[in-house]
């Protein structure tokens, strides 16, 4: 598939990707969408928005916005998907990681919403809270897709009956105990890929 003017083959972009292309803050992109200036849509069951490449092309042309090709910048950005019922917590984590730079963070409230989000873009890291659905069914479904071979999966939760052993045996790289700090999460997702371990 040929790349578009933004240096990517994707048909839809996250607000973070649009922000990098247009050299603005992600919140600015959200305001453009909410104000009706830029055509976008929300992922069902999530607060995350998407913008079709064609809509962005029309927008930057109409408003004379200079932009940069996305692909070179995406190479240094880690895509993180947080799947958790606690939206307040995920929004806090998203804001902190986004402010740190080097992360594109998306959120989903349940397994179905997460699967839909993964359909439009493949995350580098998925942090799946066990209250959001069946973690084994979720990771099994995604691991069956070839393009998820390099995605790192972490399971989070307040308690694990067997210490999380069954989950690490099914493909989760680490268990992150809740409540966890952003520092603990950051250490987990930036650590070298190792055998299953526990965090927090």
Protein backbone atom coordinates (compact mmCIF):
# COMPACT_ATOMS: atom_id res chain seq x y z
CA UNK A 1 0.00 0.00 0.00
CA UNK A 2 1.38 3.43 -0.94
CA UNK A 3 2.14 5.96 1.75
CA UNK A 4 0.02 9.10 1.95
CA UNK A 5 1.26 12.68 2.33
CA UNK A 6 1.89 12.09 6.04
CA UNK A 7 4.33 9.25 5.51
CA UNK A 8 2.05 6.46 6.72
CA UNK A 9 -0.08 3.75 5.13
CA UNK A 10 -2.74 3.94 7.86
CA UNK A 11 -6.26 5.07 7.01
CA UNK A 12 -7.01 6.54 10.44
CA UNK A 13 -4.77 8.34 12.93
CA UNK A 14 -4.89 8.93 16.68
CA UNK A 15 -5.01 12.45 18.10
CA UNK A 16 -1.40 11.99 19.21
CA UNK A 17 -0.31 11.17 15.68
CA UNK A 18 -2.25 14.13 14.27
CA UNK A 19 -0.63 16.35 16.91
CA UNK A 20 2.87 15.27 15.85
CA UNK A 21 2.07 15.76 12.18
CA UNK A 22 0.70 19.27 12.78
CA UNK A 23 3.27 20.16 15.46
CA UNK A 24 0.63 20.96 18.09
CA UNK A 25 -0.43 19.50 21.44
CA UNK A 26 -2.80 16.51 21.50
CA UNK A 27 -5.30 18.61 23.47
CA UNK A 28 -5.37 21.08 20.58
CA UNK A 29 -6.35 18.31 18.19
CA UNK A 30 -9.11 17.22 20.57
CA UNK A 31 -10.42 20.80 20.62
CA UNK A 32 -10.40 20.90 16.83
CA UNK A 33 -12.52 17.74 16.75
CA UNK A 34 -14.89 18.78 19.54
CA UNK A 35 -15.32 22.20 17.93
CA UNK A 36 -16.24 20.66 14.58
CA UNK A 37 -13.21 22.07 12.78
CA UNK A 38 -11.62 18.67 12.17
CA UNK A 39 -13.74 15.66 11.32
CA UNK A 40 -13.09 12.79 13.74
CA UNK A 41 -14.85 10.01 15.60
CA UNK A 42 -14.64 8.16 18.91
CA UNK A 43 -13.80 4.48 19.39
CA UNK A 44 -16.94 2.81 20.85
CA UNK A 45 -16.63 2.42 24.62
CA UNK A 46 -13.54 4.62 24.77
CA UNK A 47 -12.59 8.28 24.97
CA UNK A 48 -10.05 7.85 22.20
CA UNK A 49 -10.64 9.61 18.92
CA UNK A 50 -9.57 8.76 15.38
CA UNK A 51 -9.17 11.00 12.35
CA UNK A 52 -9.34 9.64 8.82
CA UNK A 53 -6.27 10.56 6.78
CA UNK A 54 -8.51 12.05 4.09
CA UNK A 55 -10.15 14.35 6.67
CA UNK A 56 -6.74 15.50 7.92
CA UNK A 57 -5.55 16.14 4.39
CA UNK A 58 -8.58 18.37 3.77
CA UNK A 59 -8.06 20.11 7.11
CA UNK A 60 -4.38 21.02 6.68
CA UNK A 61 -5.03 22.15 3.11
CA UNK A 62 -8.02 24.32 4.06
CA UNK A 63 -6.21 25.96 6.97
CA UNK A 64 -2.75 26.15 5.45
CA UNK A 65 -1.21 24.18 8.31
CA UNK A 66 2.39 23.08 7.72
CA UNK A 67 2.93 19.45 8.62
CA UNK A 68 5.69 16.90 8.97
CA UNK A 69 5.74 13.31 7.73
CA UNK A 70 4.66 11.00 10.51
CA UNK A 71 6.69 7.87 9.90
CA UNK A 72 10.16 9.04 11.05
CA UNK A 73 8.72 10.36 14.32
CA UNK A 74 6.67 7.25 14.99
CA UNK A 75 9.87 5.20 15.14
CA UNK A 76 10.70 6.76 18.51
CA UNK A 77 7.17 6.58 19.93
CA UNK A 78 5.93 3.65 22.01
CA UNK A 79 2.25 2.93 21.47
CA UNK A 80 0.56 1.95 24.75
CA UNK A 81 -3.02 0.69 25.09
CA UNK A 82 -4.48 0.81 28.63
CA UNK A 83 -7.53 -1.42 29.10
CA UNK A 84 -9.23 -0.66 32.40
CA UNK A 85 -12.71 0.08 33.78
CA UNK A 86 -11.26 2.90 35.90
CA UNK A 87 -11.26 5.72 33.39
CA UNK A 88 -9.99 8.27 35.91
CA UNK A 89 -6.89 6.20 36.52
CA UNK A 90 -6.23 5.56 32.84
CA UNK A 91 -6.64 9.23 31.97
CA UNK A 92 -4.12 10.14 34.66
CA UNK A 93 -1.61 7.61 33.34
CA UNK A 94 -2.23 8.76 29.78
CA UNK A 95 -1.58 12.40 30.65
CA UNK A 96 1.64 11.63 32.52
CA UNK A 97 3.10 9.39 29.81
CA UNK A 98 2.07 11.81 27.06
CA UNK A 99 3.70 14.70 28.90
CA UNK A 100 6.90 12.67 29.31
CA UNK A 101 7.08 12.30 25.54
CA UNK A 102 7.89 9.24 23.48
CA UNK A 103 4.51 7.61 24.12
CA UNK A 104 1.24 7.44 22.25
CA UNK A 105 -1.32 6.34 24.83
CA UNK A 106 -4.82 5.06 24.10
CA UNK A 107 -7.44 3.77 26.51
CA UNK A 108 -10.32 1.31 26.41
CA UNK A 109 -12.83 0.38 29.11
CA UNK A 110 -13.31 -3.28 28.19
CA UNK A 111 -11.97 -6.12 26.06
CA UNK A 112 -14.34 -5.43 23.16
CA UNK A 113 -13.39 -1.75 22.96
CA UNK A 114 -9.73 -2.74 23.16
CA UNK A 115 -10.12 -5.23 20.31
CA UNK A 116 -11.75 -2.53 18.17
CA UNK A 117 -8.90 -0.13 18.97
CA UNK A 118 -6.36 -2.81 18.03
CA UNK A 119 -8.14 -3.26 14.72
CA UNK A 120 -7.05 0.19 13.53
CA UNK A 121 -3.54 0.23 15.01
CA UNK A 122 -1.22 -2.30 16.61
CA UNK A 123 0.08 -1.19 20.02
CA UNK A 124 3.61 -1.89 21.19
CA UNK A 125 2.37 -2.44 24.74
CA UNK A 126 -1.00 -3.52 26.13
CA UNK A 127 -1.77 -3.22 29.85
CA UNK A 128 -4.92 -5.25 30.45
CA UNK A 129 -6.72 -4.97 33.78
CA UNK A 130 -8.41 -8.24 34.69
CA UNK A 131 -11.62 -6.41 35.66
CA UNK A 132 -12.09 -5.37 32.02
CA UNK A 133 -12.79 -8.89 30.74
CA UNK A 134 -11.27 -12.32 30.36
CA UNK A 135 -7.51 -11.71 30.04
CA UNK A 136 -6.79 -15.18 28.63
CA UNK A 137 -9.43 -14.91 25.91
CA UNK A 138 -8.20 -11.42 25.07
CA UNK A 139 -4.52 -12.28 24.70
CA UNK A 140 -5.31 -15.53 22.87
CA UNK A 141 -7.38 -13.66 20.27
CA UNK A 142 -4.68 -11.06 19.63
CA UNK A 143 -1.76 -13.46 19.71
CA UNK A 144 -3.42 -15.36 16.87
CA UNK A 145 -2.78 -12.34 14.62
CA UNK A 146 0.66 -12.27 13.01
CA UNK A 147 1.02 -8.50 13.38
CA UNK A 148 0.82 -8.81 17.19
CA UNK A 149 3.87 -11.06 17.45
CA UNK A 150 6.00 -8.25 18.92
CA UNK A 151 3.34 -6.64 21.12
CA UNK A 152 4.13 -6.82 24.83
CA UNK A 153 1.22 -7.75 27.11
CA UNK A 154 0.99 -6.91 30.81
CA UNK A 155 -1.81 -7.94 33.17
CA UNK A 156 -2.88 -5.67 36.02
CA UNK A 157 -5.16 -6.30 38.96
CA UNK A 158 -5.63 -5.97 42.70
CA UNK A 159 -5.18 -9.68 43.38
CA UNK A 160 -4.27 -12.85 41.52
CA UNK A 161 -5.41 -16.18 43.07
CA UNK A 162 -2.34 -18.05 41.84
CA UNK A 163 0.04 -15.12 41.93
CA UNK A 164 -0.50 -14.53 38.22
CA UNK A 165 1.33 -17.69 37.19
CA UNK A 166 -1.49 -18.87 34.91
CA UNK A 167 -1.50 -15.54 33.09
CA UNK A 168 2.25 -15.43 32.53
CA UNK A 169 2.06 -18.96 31.17
CA UNK A 170 -0.55 -17.79 28.65
CA UNK A 171 1.59 -14.98 27.26
CA UNK A 172 1.49 -12.02 29.64
CA UNK A 173 5.02 -10.76 30.16
CA UNK A 174 4.46 -9.33 33.64
CA UNK A 175 1.92 -8.92 36.40
CA UNK A 176 1.40 -5.37 37.67
CA UNK A 177 -0.33 -5.17 41.03
CA UNK A 178 -2.89 -2.40 41.58
CA UNK A 179 -2.92 0.25 42.71
CA UNK A 180 0.31 0.98 40.87
CA UNK A 181 2.18 4.23 40.34
CA UNK A 182 3.01 5.60 36.91
CA UNK A 183 6.66 5.00 37.81
CA UNK A 184 6.03 1.25 38.24
CA UNK A 185 4.19 1.09 34.93
CA UNK A 186 6.90 3.09 33.19
CA UNK A 187 9.61 0.78 34.51
CA UNK A 188 7.68 -2.27 33.29
CA UNK A 189 6.97 -1.06 29.75
CA UNK A 190 10.48 0.35 29.18
CA UNK A 191 12.37 -2.64 30.63
CA UNK A 192 14.01 -5.08 28.20
CA UNK A 193 11.78 -7.96 27.22
CA UNK A 194 12.46 -10.73 29.74
CA UNK A 195 10.80 -13.85 31.04
CA UNK A 196 7.53 -13.35 32.94
CA UNK A 197 7.92 -11.27 36.07
CA UNK A 198 5.93 -9.36 38.65
CA UNK A 199 5.84 -5.57 39.13
CA UNK A 200 4.47 -3.29 41.81
